[in-house]
PDB file of N, CA and C in Angstrom:
ATOM      1  N   MET A   1      -8.226-117.005 101.288  1.00  0.00           N
ATOM      2  CA  MET A   1      -7.190-116.318 100.528  1.00  0.00           C
ATOM      3  C   MET A   1      -5.836-116.467 101.220  1.00  0.00           C
ATOM      4  N   HIS A   2      -5.837-116.495 102.548  1.00  0.00           N
ATOM      5  CA  HIS A   2      -4.586-116.647 103.286  1.00  0.00           C
ATOM      6  C   HIS A   2      -3.885-117.947 102.896  1.00  0.00           C
ATOM      7  N   ARG A   3      -4.648-119.012 102.704  1.00  0.00           N
ATOM      8  CA  ARG A   3      -4.094-120.310 102.313  1.00  0.00           C
ATOM      9  C   ARG A   3      -3.382-120.198 100.959  1.00  0.00           C
ATOM     10  N   LEU A   4      -3.971-119.434 100.050  1.00  0.00           N
ATOM     11  CA  LEU A   4      -3.357-119.235  98.743  1.00  0.00           C
ATOM     12  C   LEU A   4      -2.001-118.543  98.878  1.00  0.00           C
ATOM     13  N   TYR A   5      -1.898-117.531  99.745  1.00  0.00           N
ATOM     14  CA  TYR A   5      -0.623-116.848  99.953  1.00  0.00           C
ATOM     15  C   TYR A   5       0.411-117.795 100.561  1.00  0.00           C
ATOM     16  N   GLU A   6      -0.031-118.651 101.457  1.00  0.00           N
ATOM     17  CA  GLU A   6       0.891-119.627 102.045  1.00  0.00           C
ATOM     18  C   GLU A   6       1.429-120.582 100.986  1.00  0.00           C
ATOM     19  N   LEU A   7       0.535-121.072 100.132  1.00  0.00           N
ATOM     20  CA  LEU A   7       0.965-121.975  99.062  1.00  0.00           C
ATOM     21  C   LEU A   7       1.894-121.273  98.077  1.00  0.00           C
ATOM     22  N   HIS A   8       1.581-120.026  97.766  1.00  0.00           N
ATOM     23  CA  HIS A   8       2.411-119.239  96.851  1.00  0.00           C
ATOM     24  C   HIS A   8       3.817-119.069  97.435  1.00  0.00           C
ATOM     25  N   ALA A   9       3.897-118.712  98.702  1.00  0.00           N
ATOM     26  CA  ALA A   9       5.199-118.533  99.353  1.00  0.00           C
ATOM     27  C   ALA A   9       5.978-119.844  99.384  1.00  0.00           C
ATOM     28  N   ARG A  10       5.277-120.930  99.659  1.00  0.00           N
ATOM     29  CA  ARG A  10       5.937-122.241  99.693  1.00  0.00           C
ATOM     30  C   ARG A  10       6.494-122.598  98.315  1.00  0.00           C
ATOM     31  N   MET A  11       5.720-122.347  97.276  1.00  0.00           N
ATOM     32  CA  MET A  11       6.166-122.617  95.910  1.00  0.00           C
ATOM     33  C   MET A  11       7.375-121.743  95.570  1.00  0.00           C
ATOM     34  N   CYS A  12       7.325-120.478  95.930  1.00  0.00           N
ATOM     35  CA  CYS A  12       8.433-119.566  95.621  1.00  0.00           C
ATOM     36  C   CYS A  12       9.721-119.987  96.316  1.00  0.00           C
ATOM     37  N   ARG A  13       9.633-120.566  97.506  1.00  0.00           N
ATOM     38  CA  ARG A  13      10.838-121.034  98.198  1.00  0.00           C
ATOM     39  C   ARG A  13      11.552-122.113  97.397  1.00  0.00           C
ATOM     40  N   ILE A  14      10.805-122.900  96.662  1.00  0.00           N
ATOM     41  CA  ILE A  14      11.412-123.937  95.824  1.00  0.00           C
ATOM     42  C   ILE A  14      12.321-123.295  94.775  1.00  0.00           C
ATOM     43  N   PHE A  15      11.941-122.103  94.332  1.00  0.00           N
ATOM     44  CA  PHE A  15      12.681-121.439  93.260  1.00  0.00           C
ATOM     45  C   PHE A  15      13.869-120.628  93.763  1.00  0.00           C
ATOM     46  N   THR A  16      14.240-120.788  95.009  1.00  0.00           N
ATOM     47  CA  THR A  16      15.389-120.048  95.531  1.00  0.00           C
ATOM     48  C   THR A  16      16.713-120.741  95.223  1.00  0.00           C
ATOM     49  N   SER A  17      16.648-121.932  94.668  1.00  0.00           N
ATOM     50  CA  SER A  17      17.866-122.669  94.350  1.00  0.00           C
ATOM     51  C   SER A  17      18.168-122.587  92.857  1.00  0.00           C
ATOM     52  N   PRO A  18      19.334-122.049  92.495  1.00  0.00           N
ATOM     53  CA  PRO A  18      19.708-122.028  91.072  1.00  0.00           C
ATOM     54  C   PRO A  18      19.735-123.431  90.458  1.00  0.00           C
ATOM     55  N   LYS A  19      20.096-124.427  91.239  1.00  0.00           N
ATOM     56  CA  LYS A  19      20.153-125.795  90.720  1.00  0.00           C
ATOM     57  C   LYS A  19      18.758-126.321  90.408  1.00  0.00           C
ATOM     58  N   ARG A  20      17.770-126.016  91.262  1.00  0.00           N
ATOM     59  CA  ARG A  20      16.405-126.444  90.970  1.00  0.00           C
ATOM     60  C   ARG A  20      15.865-125.722  89.741  1.00  0.00           C
ATOM     61  N   LEU A  21      16.209-124.454  89.600  1.00  0.00           N
ATOM     62  CA  LEU A  21      15.797-123.719  88.398  1.00  0.00           C
ATOM     63  C   LEU A  21      16.419-124.341  87.147  1.00  0.00           C
ATOM     64  N   GLU A  22      17.660-124.755  87.266  1.00  0.00           N
ATOM     65  CA  GLU A  22      18.328-125.409  86.133  1.00  0.00           C
ATOM     66  C   GLU A  22      17.620-126.719  85.770  1.00  0.00           C
ATOM     67  N   ILE A  23      17.252-127.492  86.784  1.00  0.00           N
ATOM     68  CA  ILE A  23      16.548-128.753  86.535  1.00  0.00           C
ATOM     69  C   ILE A  23      15.206-128.485  85.854  1.00  0.00           C
ATOM     70  N   ILE A  24      14.475-127.498  86.336  1.00  0.00           N
ATOM     71  CA  ILE A  24      13.194-127.149  85.715  1.00  0.00           C
ATOM     72  C   ILE A  24      13.414-126.786  84.246  1.00  0.00           C
ATOM     73  N   ASN A  25      14.439-126.017  83.984  1.00  0.00           N
ATOM     74  CA  ASN A  25      14.729-125.623  82.605  1.00  0.00           C
ATOM     75  C   ASN A  25      15.118-126.831  81.749  1.00  0.00           C
ATOM     76  N   LEU A  26      15.880-127.760  82.310  1.00  0.00           N
ATOM     77  CA  LEU A  26      16.252-128.964  81.562  1.00  0.00           C
ATOM     78  C   LEU A  26      15.025-129.793  81.199  1.00  0.00           C
ATOM     79  N   LEU A  27      14.018-129.765  82.060  1.00  0.00           N
ATOM     80  CA  LEU A  27      12.801-130.536  81.831  1.00  0.00           C
ATOM     81  C   LEU A  27      11.788-129.781  80.962  1.00  0.00           C
ATOM     82  N   ARG A  28      12.182-128.645  80.490  1.00  0.00           N
ATOM     83  CA  ARG A  28      11.318-127.747  79.708  1.00  0.00           C
ATOM     84  C   ARG A  28      10.544-128.476  78.608  1.00  0.00           C
ATOM     85  N   ASN A  29      11.212-129.240  77.781  1.00  0.00           N
ATOM     86  CA  ASN A  29      10.570-129.867  76.623  1.00  0.00           C
ATOM     87  C   ASN A  29      10.724-131.384  76.575  1.00  0.00           C
ATOM     88  N   GLN A  30      11.164-131.958  77.680  1.00  0.00           N
ATOM     89  CA  GLN A  30      11.453-133.394  77.631  1.00  0.00           C
ATOM     90  C   GLN A  30      11.412-134.006  79.018  1.00  0.00           C
ATOM     91  N   GLU A  31      11.254-135.301  79.043  1.00  0.00           N
ATOM     92  CA  GLU A  31      11.403-135.996  80.313  1.00  0.00           C
ATOM     93  C   GLU A  31      12.813-136.563  80.365  1.00  0.00           C
ATOM     94  N   LEU A  32      13.367-136.575  81.569  1.00  0.00           N
ATOM     95  CA  LEU A  32      14.748-137.012  81.746  1.00  0.00           C
ATOM     96  C   LEU A  32      14.857-137.904  82.969  1.00  0.00           C
ATOM     97  N   SER A  33      15.826-138.802  82.934  1.00  0.00           N
ATOM     98  CA  SER A  33      16.139-139.624  84.106  1.00  0.00           C
ATOM     99  C   SER A  33      17.127-138.867  84.986  1.00  0.00           C
ATOM    100  N   VAL A  34      17.347-139.382  86.177  1.00  0.00           N
ATOM    101  CA  VAL A  34      18.337-138.771  87.075  1.00  0.00           C
ATOM    102  C   VAL A  34      19.700-138.737  86.398  1.00  0.00           C
ATOM    103  N   SER A  35      20.075-139.827  85.736  1.00  0.00           N
ATOM    104  CA  SER A  35      21.396-139.851  85.081  1.00  0.00           C
ATOM    105  C   SER A  35      21.473-138.832  83.946  1.00  0.00           C
ATOM    106  N   ASP A  36      20.370-138.646  83.216  1.00  0.00           N
ATOM    107  CA  ASP A  36      20.350-137.614  82.168  1.00  0.00           C
ATOM    108  C   ASP A  36      20.574-136.230  82.780  1.00  0.00           C
ATOM    109  N   ILE A  37      19.868-135.963  83.861  1.00  0.00           N
ATOM    110  CA  ILE A  37      19.978-134.657  84.518  1.00  0.00           C
ATOM    111  C   ILE A  37      21.388-134.465  85.069  1.00  0.00           C
ATOM    112  N   MET A  38      21.964-135.530  85.616  1.00  0.00           N
ATOM    113  CA  MET A  38      23.337-135.446  86.134  1.00  0.00           C
ATOM    114  C   MET A  38      24.305-135.039  85.028  1.00  0.00           C
ATOM    115  N   LYS A  39      24.197-135.680  83.873  1.00  0.00           N
ATOM    116  CA  LYS A  39      25.099-135.389  82.754  1.00  0.00           C
ATOM    117  C   LYS A  39      24.942-133.955  82.268  1.00  0.00           C
ATOM    118  N   LEU A  40      23.684-133.520  82.120  1.00  0.00           N
ATOM    119  CA  LEU A  40      23.428-132.189  81.576  1.00  0.00           C
ATOM    120  C   LEU A  40      23.766-131.069  82.553  1.00  0.00           C
ATOM    121  N   SER A  41      23.601-131.326  83.840  1.00  0.00           N
ATOM    122  CA  SER A  41      23.786-130.274  84.843  1.00  0.00           C
ATOM    123  C   SER A  41      25.147-130.325  85.533  1.00  0.00           C
ATOM    124  N   LYS A  42      25.861-131.415  85.377  1.00  0.00           N
ATOM    125  CA  LYS A  42      27.156-131.612  86.048  1.00  0.00           C
ATOM    126  C   LYS A  42      26.998-131.690  87.579  1.00  0.00           C
ATOM    127  N   MET A  43      25.811-132.085  88.032  1.00  0.00           N
ATOM    128  CA  MET A  43      25.575-132.281  89.467  1.00  0.00           C
ATOM    129  C   MET A  43      25.748-133.761  89.785  1.00  0.00           C
ATOM    130  N   ASN A  44      26.050-134.053  91.049  1.00  0.00           N
ATOM    131  CA  ASN A  44      26.166-135.451  91.444  1.00  0.00           C
ATOM    132  C   ASN A  44      24.780-136.050  91.719  1.00  0.00           C
ATOM    133  N   GLN A  45      24.739-137.368  91.805  1.00  0.00           N
ATOM    134  CA  GLN A  45      23.472-138.087  91.935  1.00  0.00           C
ATOM    135  C   GLN A  45      22.706-137.686  93.191  1.00  0.00           C
ATOM    136  N   ALA A  46      23.387-137.573  94.301  1.00  0.00           N
ATOM    137  CA  ALA A  46      22.720-137.220  95.557  1.00  0.00           C
ATOM    138  C   ALA A  46      22.072-135.845  95.462  1.00  0.00           C
ATOM    139  N   ASN A  47      22.777-134.902  94.865  1.00  0.00           N
ATOM    140  CA  ASN A  47      22.275-133.544  94.723  1.00  0.00           C
ATOM    141  C   ASN A  47      21.048-133.500  93.815  1.00  0.00           C
ATOM    142  N   VAL A  48      21.134-134.170  92.665  1.00  0.00           N
ATOM    143  CA  VAL A  48      20.010-134.212  91.727  1.00  0.00           C
ATOM    144  C   VAL A  48      18.799-134.856  92.396  1.00  0.00           C
ATOM    145  N   SER A  49      19.014-135.972  93.046  1.00  0.00           N
ATOM    146  CA  SER A  49      17.905-136.681  93.699  1.00  0.00           C
ATOM    147  C   SER A  49      17.249-135.826  94.778  1.00  0.00           C
ATOM    148  N   GLN A  50      18.053-135.126  95.548  1.00  0.00           N
ATOM    149  CA  GLN A  50      17.517-134.258  96.603  1.00  0.00           C
ATOM    150  C   GLN A  50      16.634-133.157  96.005  1.00  0.00           C
ATOM    151  N   HIS A  51      17.117-132.512  94.950  1.00  0.00           N
ATOM    152  CA  HIS A  51      16.337-131.450  94.322  1.00  0.00           C
ATOM    153  C   HIS A  51      15.059-131.997  93.679  1.00  0.00           C
ATOM    154  N   LEU A  52      15.160-133.149  93.021  1.00  0.00           N
ATOM    155  CA  LEU A  52      13.985-133.746  92.397  1.00  0.00           C
ATOM    156  C   LEU A  52      12.942-134.139  93.443  1.00  0.00           C
ATOM    157  N   CYS A  53      13.407-134.598  94.575  1.00  0.00           N
ATOM    158  CA  CYS A  53      12.487-134.957  95.667  1.00  0.00           C
ATOM    159  C   CYS A  53      11.676-133.737  96.106  1.00  0.00           C
ATOM    160  N   LEU A  54      12.346-132.611  96.297  1.00  0.00           N
ATOM    161  CA  LEU A  54      11.648-131.380  96.684  1.00  0.00           C
ATOM    162  C   LEU A  54      10.681-130.920  95.599  1.00  0.00           C
ATOM    163  N   LEU A  55      11.119-131.006  94.350  1.00  0.00           N
ATOM    164  CA  LEU A  55      10.254-130.610  93.242  1.00  0.00           C
ATOM    165  C   LEU A  55       9.036-131.521  93.132  1.00  0.00           C
ATOM    166  N   LYS A  56       9.223-132.792  93.423  1.00  0.00           N
ATOM    167  CA  LYS A  56       8.104-133.737  93.371  1.00  0.00           C
ATOM    168  C   LYS A  56       7.135-133.486  94.533  1.00  0.00           C
ATOM    169  N   GLU A  57       7.667-133.217  95.714  1.00  0.00           N
ATOM    170  CA  GLU A  57       6.824-132.934  96.883  1.00  0.00           C
ATOM    171  C   GLU A  57       5.891-131.754  96.633  1.00  0.00           C
ATOM    172  N   GLU A  58       6.354-130.790  95.846  1.00  0.00           N
ATOM    173  CA  GLU A  58       5.547-129.598  95.555  1.00  0.00           C
ATOM    174  C   GLU A  58       4.762-129.727  94.261  1.00  0.00           C
ATOM    175  N   ASP A  59       4.713-130.937  93.708  1.00  0.00           N
ATOM    176  CA  ASP A  59       3.973-131.210  92.468  1.00  0.00           C
ATOM    177  C   ASP A  59       4.446-130.380  91.285  1.00  0.00           C
ATOM    178  N   ILE A  60       5.739-130.081  91.260  1.00  0.00           N
ATOM    179  CA  ILE A  60       6.317-129.344  90.141  1.00  0.00           C
ATOM    180  C   ILE A  60       6.761-130.328  89.063  1.00  0.00           C
ATOM    181  N   VAL A  61       7.216-131.499  89.491  1.00  0.00           N
ATOM    182  CA  VAL A  61       7.568-132.560  88.546  1.00  0.00           C
ATOM    183  C   VAL A  61       6.728-133.799  88.846  1.00  0.00           C
ATOM    184  N   ARG A  62       6.612-134.630  87.814  1.00  0.00           N
ATOM    185  CA  ARG A  62       5.957-135.923  87.986  1.00  0.00           C
ATOM    186  C   ARG A  62       6.907-136.991  87.484  1.00  0.00           C
ATOM    187  N   THR A  63       6.627-138.218  87.821  1.00  0.00           N
ATOM    188  CA  THR A  63       7.515-139.318  87.447  1.00  0.00           C
ATOM    189  C   THR A  63       6.781-140.351  86.604  1.00  0.00           C
ATOM    190  N   ARG A  64       7.601-141.069  85.839  1.00  0.00           N
ATOM    191  CA  ARG A  64       7.118-142.192  85.050  1.00  0.00           C
ATOM    192  C   ARG A  64       8.189-143.262  85.109  1.00  0.00           C
ATOM    193  N   ARG A  65       7.791-144.456  85.500  1.00  0.00           N
ATOM    194  CA  ARG A  65       8.749-145.559  85.581  1.00  0.00           C
ATOM    195  C   ARG A  65       8.751-146.335  84.267  1.00  0.00           C
ATOM    196  N   ASP A  66       9.966-146.671  83.808  1.00  0.00           N
ATOM    197  CA  ASP A  66      10.138-147.520  82.633  1.00  0.00           C
ATOM    198  C   ASP A  66      11.204-148.545  83.000  1.00  0.00           C
ATOM    199  N   GLY A  67      10.767-149.706  83.408  1.00  0.00           N
ATOM    200  CA  GLY A  67      11.703-150.716  83.903  1.00  0.00           C
ATOM    201  C   GLY A  67      12.314-150.247  85.209  1.00  0.00           C
ATOM    202  N   VAL A  68      13.641-150.178  85.234  1.00  0.00           N
ATOM    203  CA  VAL A  68      14.318-149.731  86.449  1.00  0.00           C
ATOM    204  C   VAL A  68      14.542-148.219  86.476  1.00  0.00           C
ATOM    205  N   LYS A  69      14.315-147.569  85.350  1.00  0.00           N
ATOM    206  CA  LYS A  69      14.545-146.116  85.273  1.00  0.00           C
ATOM    207  C   LYS A  69      13.285-145.346  85.610  1.00  0.00           C
ATOM    208  N   ILE A  70      13.497-144.228  86.280  1.00  0.00           N
ATOM    209  CA  ILE A  70      12.404-143.304  86.560  1.00  0.00           C
ATOM    210  C   ILE A  70      12.682-142.032  85.784  1.00  0.00           C
ATOM    211  N   TYR A  71      11.690-141.582  85.048  1.00  0.00           N
ATOM    212  CA  TYR A  71      11.808-140.369  84.252  1.00  0.00           C
ATOM    213  C   TYR A  71      11.003-139.250  84.895  1.00  0.00           C
ATOM    214  N   TYR A  72      11.567-138.062  84.836  1.00  0.00           N
ATOM    215  CA  TYR A  72      10.941-136.878  85.408  1.00  0.00           C
ATOM    216  C   TYR A  72      10.513-135.938  84.300  1.00  0.00           C
ATOM    217  N   SER A  73       9.370-135.302  84.515  1.00  0.00           N
ATOM    218  CA  SER A  73       8.895-134.280  83.592  1.00  0.00           C
ATOM    219  C   SER A  73       8.155-133.231  84.408  1.00  0.00           C
ATOM    220  N   LEU A  74       7.914-132.096  83.800  1.00  0.00           N
ATOM    221  CA  LEU A  74       7.169-131.048  84.490  1.00  0.00           C
ATOM    222  C   LEU A  74       5.709-131.455  84.608  1.00  0.00           C
ATOM    223  N   ALA A  75       5.122-131.158  85.743  1.00  0.00           N
ATOM    224  CA  ALA A  75       3.730-131.525  85.995  1.00  0.00           C
ATOM    225  C   ALA A  75       2.768-130.688  85.169  1.00  0.00           C
ATOM    226  N   THR A  76       3.178-129.477  84.829  1.00  0.00           N
ATOM    227  CA  THR A  76       2.322-128.600  84.034  1.00  0.00           C
ATOM    228  C   THR A  76       3.176-127.692  83.151  1.00  0.00           C
ATOM    229  N   PRO A  77       2.758-127.471  81.910  1.00  0.00           N
ATOM    230  CA  PRO A  77       3.516-126.558  81.039  1.00  0.00           C
ATOM    231  C   PRO A  77       3.429-125.105  81.524  1.00  0.00           C
ATOM    232  N   LYS A  78       2.486-124.808  82.388  1.00  0.00           N
ATOM    233  CA  LYS A  78       2.372-123.448  82.920  1.00  0.00           C
ATOM    234  C   LYS A  78       3.617-123.068  83.718  1.00  0.00           C
ATOM    235  N   MET A  79       4.335-124.070  84.222  1.00  0.00           N
ATOM    236  CA  MET A  79       5.567-123.797  84.962  1.00  0.00           C
ATOM    237  C   MET A  79       6.570-123.094  84.052  1.00  0.00           C
ATOM    238  N   ILE A  80       6.664-123.518  82.803  1.00  0.00           N
ATOM    239  CA  ILE A  80       7.595-122.901  81.863  1.00  0.00           C
ATOM    240  C   ILE A  80       7.137-121.491  81.521  1.00  0.00           C
ATOM    241  N   GLU A  81       5.837-121.282  81.420  1.00  0.00           N
ATOM    242  CA  GLU A  81       5.325-119.934  81.178  1.00  0.00           C
ATOM    243  C   GLU A  81       5.771-118.996  82.296  1.00  0.00           C
ATOM    244  N   ALA A  82       5.601-119.433  83.532  1.00  0.00           N
ATOM    245  CA  ALA A  82       6.017-118.619  84.676  1.00  0.00           C
ATOM    246  C   ALA A  82       7.535-118.414  84.668  1.00  0.00           C
ATOM    247  N   PHE A  83       8.261-119.473  84.381  1.00  0.00           N
ATOM    248  CA  PHE A  83       9.719-119.443  84.308  1.00  0.00           C
ATOM    249  C   PHE A  83      10.162-118.414  83.274  1.00  0.00           C
ATOM    250  N   ASP A  84       9.543-118.439  82.084  1.00  0.00           N
ATOM    251  CA  ASP A  84       9.926-117.534  81.001  1.00  0.00           C
ATOM    252  C   ASP A  84       9.563-116.083  81.302  1.00  0.00           C
ATOM    253  N   ILE A  85       8.431-115.863  81.941  1.00  0.00           N
ATOM    254  CA  ILE A  85       8.055-114.493  82.321  1.00  0.00           C
ATOM    255  C   ILE A  85       9.081-113.928  83.299  1.00  0.00           C
ATOM    256  N   MET A  86       9.460-114.710  84.294  1.00  0.00           N
ATOM    257  CA  MET A  86      10.452-114.240  85.264  1.00  0.00           C
ATOM    258  C   MET A  86      11.791-113.990  84.578  1.00  0.00           C
ATOM    259  N   ARG A  87      12.165-114.852  83.661  1.00  0.00           N
ATOM    260  CA  ARG A  87      13.425-114.684  82.930  1.00  0.00           C
ATOM    261  C   ARG A  87      13.412-113.389  82.123  1.00  0.00           C
ATOM    262  N   GLU A  88      12.294-113.082  81.461  1.00  0.00           N
ATOM    263  CA  GLU A  88      12.169-111.834  80.691  1.00  0.00           C
ATOM    264  C   GLU A  88      12.323-110.624  81.601  1.00  0.00           C
ATOM    265  N   ILE A  89      11.707-110.675  82.768  1.00  0.00           N
ATOM    266  CA  ILE A  89      11.821-109.574  83.728  1.00  0.00           C
ATOM    267  C   ILE A  89      13.277-109.389  84.131  1.00  0.00           C
ATOM    268  N   LEU A  90      13.964-110.498  84.405  1.00  0.00           N
ATOM    269  CA  LEU A  90      15.365-110.415  84.829  1.00  0.00           C
ATOM    270  C   LEU A  90      16.273-109.933  83.704  1.00  0.00           C
ATOM    271  N   LEU A  91      16.011-110.383  82.481  1.00  0.00           N
ATOM    272  CA  LEU A  91      16.811-109.911  81.343  1.00  0.00           C
ATOM    273  C   LEU A  91      16.616-108.413  81.119  1.00  0.00           C
ATOM    274  N   ASP A  92      15.379-107.930  81.286  1.00  0.00           N
ATOM    275  CA  ASP A  92      15.126-106.488  81.197  1.00  0.00           C
ATOM    276  C   ASP A  92      15.900-105.735  82.271  1.00  0.00           C
ATOM    277  N   LYS A  93      15.919-106.297  83.464  1.00  0.00           N
ATOM    278  CA  LYS A  93      16.633-105.662  84.580  1.00  0.00           C
ATOM    279  C   LYS A  93      18.132-105.608  84.289  1.00  0.00           C
ATOM    280  N   ILE A  94      18.676-106.696  83.778  1.00  0.00           N
ATOM    281  CA  ILE A  94      20.102-106.729  83.433  1.00  0.00           C
ATOM    282  C   ILE A  94      20.404-105.697  82.355  1.00  0.00           C
ATOM    283  N   ALA A  95      19.552-105.613  81.339  1.00  0.00           N
ATOM    284  CA  ALA A  95      19.765-104.651  80.250  1.00  0.00           C
ATOM    285  C   ALA A  95      19.742-103.227  80.781  1.00  0.00           C
ATOM    286  N   LYS A  96      18.821-102.914  81.676  1.00  0.00           N
ATOM    287  CA  LYS A  96      18.744-101.569  82.255  1.00  0.00           C
ATOM    288  C   LYS A  96      19.987-101.262  83.086  1.00  0.00           C
ATOM    289  N   THR A  97      20.432-102.231  83.847  1.00  0.00           N
ATOM    290  CA  THR A  97      21.629-102.049  84.669  1.00  0.00           C
ATOM    291  C   THR A  97      22.853-101.821  83.793  1.00  0.00           C
ATOM    292  N   GLU A  98      22.980-102.614  82.727  1.00  0.00           N
ATOM    293  CA  GLU A  98      24.119-102.455  81.818  1.00  0.00           C
ATOM    294  C   GLU A  98      24.073-101.109  81.105  1.00  0.00           C
ATOM    295  N   LYS A  99      22.883-100.669  80.716  1.00  0.00           N
ATOM    296  CA  LYS A  99      22.752 -99.367  80.063  1.00  0.00           C
ATOM    297  C   LYS A  99      23.146 -98.258  81.027  1.00  0.00           C
ATOM    298  N   LEU A 100      22.679 -98.348  82.260  1.00  0.00           N
ATOM    299  CA  LEU A 100      23.033 -97.350  83.262  1.00  0.00           C
ATOM    300  C   LEU A 100      24.545 -97.323  83.471  1.00  0.00           C
ATOM    301  N   SER A 101      25.164 -98.483  83.541  1.00  0.00           N
ATOM    302  CA  SER A 101      26.607 -98.569  83.723  1.00  0.00           C
ATOM    303  C   SER A 101      27.348 -97.928  82.542  1.00  0.00           C
ATOM    304  N   ARG A 102      26.894 -98.195  81.314  1.00  0.00           N
ATOM    305  CA  ARG A 102      27.516 -97.581  80.125  1.00  0.00           C
ATOM    306  C   ARG A 102      27.345 -96.067  80.160  1.00  0.00           C
ATOM    307  N   ASP A 103      26.144 -95.600  80.546  1.00  0.00           N
ATOM    308  CA  ASP A 103      25.889 -94.160  80.611  1.00  0.00           C
ATOM    309  C   ASP A 103      26.792 -93.489  81.632  1.00  0.00           C
ATOM    310  N   VAL A 104      26.995 -94.135  82.765  1.00  0.00           N
ATOM    311  CA  VAL A 104      27.866 -93.568  83.801  1.00  0.00           C
ATOM    312  C   VAL A 104      29.301 -93.506  83.306  1.00  0.00           C
ATOM    313  N   ARG A 105      29.779 -94.583  82.665  1.00  0.00           N
ATOM    314  CA  ARG A 105      31.149 -94.585  82.133  1.00  0.00           C
ATOM    315  C   ARG A 105      31.318 -93.508  81.067  1.00  0.00           C
ATOM    316  N   ARG A 106      30.328 -93.367  80.212  1.00  0.00           N
ATOM    317  CA  ARG A 106      30.381 -92.360  79.155  1.00  0.00           C
ATOM    318  C   ARG A 106      30.418 -90.961  79.778  1.00  0.00           C
ATOM    319  N   ALA A 107      29.621 -90.709  80.785  1.00  0.00           N
ATOM    320  CA  ALA A 107      29.581 -89.397  81.448  1.00  0.00           C
ATOM    321  C   ALA A 107      30.933 -89.098  82.112  1.00  0.00           C
ATOM    322  N   ARG A 108      31.544 -90.111  82.698  1.00  0.00           N
ATOM    323  CA  ARG A 108      32.848 -89.915  83.334  1.00  0.00           C
ATOM    324  C   ARG A 108      33.904 -89.550  82.305  1.00  0.00           C
ATOM    325  N   LYS A 109      33.866 -90.223  81.159  1.00  0.00           N
ATOM    326  CA  LYS A 109      34.842 -89.943  80.088  1.00  0.00           C
ATOM    327  C   LYS A 109      34.665 -88.528  79.566  1.00  0.00           C
ATOM    328  N   GLU A 110      33.413 -88.085  79.443  1.00  0.00           N
ATOM    329  CA  GLU A 110      33.143 -86.735  78.941  1.00  0.00           C
ATOM    330  C   GLU A 110      33.650 -85.668  79.897  1.00  0.00           C
ATOM    331  N   ARG A 111      33.674 -85.958  81.198  1.00  0.00           N
ATOM    332  CA  ARG A 111      34.152 -84.993  82.190  1.00  0.00           C
ATOM    333  C   ARG A 111      35.669 -84.894  82.205  1.00  0.00           C
ATOM    334  N   THR A 112      36.355 -85.887  81.687  1.00  0.00           N
ATOM    335  CA  THR A 112      37.821 -85.869  81.745  1.00  0.00           C
ATOM    336  C   THR A 112      38.426 -85.329  80.479  1.00  0.00           C
TER     337      THR A 112
END
């Protein structure tokens, strides 16, 4: 079981980069080349390649060669399921924070 926790922690470290999360999201429903990802993300080639290398090392993305181009796709659709669950949790958190902020502002106005 300890090995599973180590692997889980290692996988979670990959998700600490907003740029890697963006790449995962871009690959949600399609395979893309490095140049495609560069255009969509506004990242430079070195940055995209570095992030893709890390994602490939952790088996989050896989590659397919077509001539001189290499295309990237998600290794498993379960990655998007996990991505979407985390996004829902974060959106709920944002909504609660915004509601609390509105309630505080409203309470302040009522006191004045």
